[in-house]
Protein backbone atom coordinates (compact mmCIF):
# COMPACT_ATOMS: atom_id res chain seq x y z
CA MET A 1 0.00 0.00 0.00
CA THR A 2 1.28 3.45 -0.85
CA TYR A 3 0.45 6.37 1.40
CA ASN A 4 0.02 9.60 -0.52
CA TYR A 5 -0.27 12.86 1.32
CA THR A 6 -0.29 16.58 0.78
CA ASP A 7 0.51 19.45 3.12
CA THR A 8 -3.19 19.90 3.83
CA ASP A 9 -3.79 16.42 5.22
CA LEU A 10 -0.67 15.96 7.36
CA ASP A 11 -1.21 15.48 11.05
CA GLU A 12 1.00 14.35 13.92
CA HIS A 13 0.33 10.69 13.05
CA ALA A 14 1.12 10.88 9.34
CA VAL A 15 4.14 8.92 8.24
CA PRO A 16 5.76 10.17 5.05
CA PRO A 17 6.77 7.59 2.47
CA PRO A 18 10.40 6.48 2.41
CA PRO A 19 12.66 8.53 0.15
CA LYS A 20 13.16 7.42 -3.41
CA ARG A 21 16.66 6.07 -4.07
CA VAL A 22 19.06 6.27 -7.00
CA ASP A 23 20.63 3.01 -8.17
CA PRO A 24 24.36 3.85 -8.61
CA ASP A 25 24.58 1.31 -11.45
CA ARG A 26 22.07 3.39 -13.43
CA ALA A 27 24.05 6.67 -13.41
CA ASP A 28 24.61 6.38 -17.17
CA LEU A 29 20.84 6.86 -17.64
CA HIS A 30 20.83 10.42 -16.24
CA GLY A 31 18.79 12.61 -18.58
CA LEU A 32 17.27 9.68 -20.48
CA THR A 33 13.62 10.57 -19.86
CA GLY A 34 13.76 14.21 -18.79
CA PHE A 35 11.38 13.41 -15.91
CA TYR A 36 13.06 14.26 -12.61
CA CYS A 37 12.26 13.68 -8.96
CA ARG A 38 13.97 14.20 -5.62
CA ALA A 39 15.85 11.10 -4.54
CA MET A 40 18.65 10.00 -2.27
CA ASN A 41 21.97 9.18 -3.90
CA GLY A 42 23.88 7.60 -1.05
CA ASP A 43 23.40 10.10 1.78
CA LYS A 44 22.78 13.12 -0.48
CA TRP A 45 19.53 14.48 -1.95
CA VAL A 46 19.70 14.91 -5.73
CA SER A 47 17.44 15.67 -8.64
CA ALA A 48 17.36 12.30 -10.41
CA ASP A 49 15.94 11.25 -13.74
CA ILE A 50 13.35 8.54 -13.10
CA ALA A 51 15.51 6.21 -15.23
CA GLU A 52 18.13 6.35 -12.44
CA LEU A 53 15.77 5.16 -9.71
CA ASP A 54 16.04 1.69 -8.24
CA ARG A 55 13.13 -0.63 -9.03
CA ASP A 56 11.19 -0.04 -5.77
CA SER A 57 11.63 3.73 -6.03
CA LEU A 58 10.42 3.73 -9.64
CA ARG A 59 7.26 1.94 -8.57
CA ALA A 60 6.76 4.38 -5.69
CA PHE A 61 7.18 7.28 -8.13
CA LEU A 62 4.67 5.80 -10.58
CA ARG A 63 2.13 5.33 -7.78
CA SER A 64 2.85 8.62 -5.99
CA ARG A 65 -0.27 10.37 -7.27
CA GLY A 66 -2.62 7.68 -6.03
CA GLY A 67 -2.92 5.35 -8.99
CA GLU A 68 -2.08 1.72 -9.52
CA ASN A 69 -1.95 0.27 -13.01
CA LEU A 70 0.23 -2.84 -13.16
CA TRP A 71 0.10 -2.97 -16.96
CA ALA A 72 1.37 0.60 -17.34
CA GLU A 73 3.92 0.15 -14.52
CA ASN A 74 5.38 -2.91 -16.28
CA ILE A 75 5.62 -1.07 -19.60
CA ILE A 76 7.54 1.79 -17.97
CA ALA A 77 9.71 -0.67 -16.03
CA GLY A 78 10.57 -2.49 -19.25
CA LEU A 79 11.36 0.69 -21.13
CA LEU A 80 13.71 1.68 -18.28
CA ARG A 81 15.38 -1.76 -18.22
CA HIS A 82 13.83 -3.03 -14.97
CA GLU A 83 12.26 -6.44 -14.44
CA PRO A 84 8.42 -6.41 -14.50
CA TRP A 85 6.34 -6.78 -11.37
CA GLU A 86 4.12 -9.82 -11.01
CA GLU A 87 0.93 -9.62 -9.00
C-alpha cells in the first residue's frame, strides 16, 4: 500500500513515504527521460531522472499520485530496463 499525502492532510500521526533512491549502477541513464524527482543518492539528496531510480523507487514514483496500473507500470519498467512486477 502506498500512502500519498499533501501538506493539507498531514497530522502528527502521518508517516511520510520512504525517500526514493538512485541506483548507482544506473548513473549512465541520467537525462534519459527528462522526468526528474527528488531522490537519495547515497546520503545526499539529488534531482534524479526517473531512469536512475532503483526498481522499488520507480514503482513508488509511478504510484505517488494515487494510482495503480500494473500494466502501465510494467511497460515503464521495461522501457527503463527493470524487471516487470508480477501480482
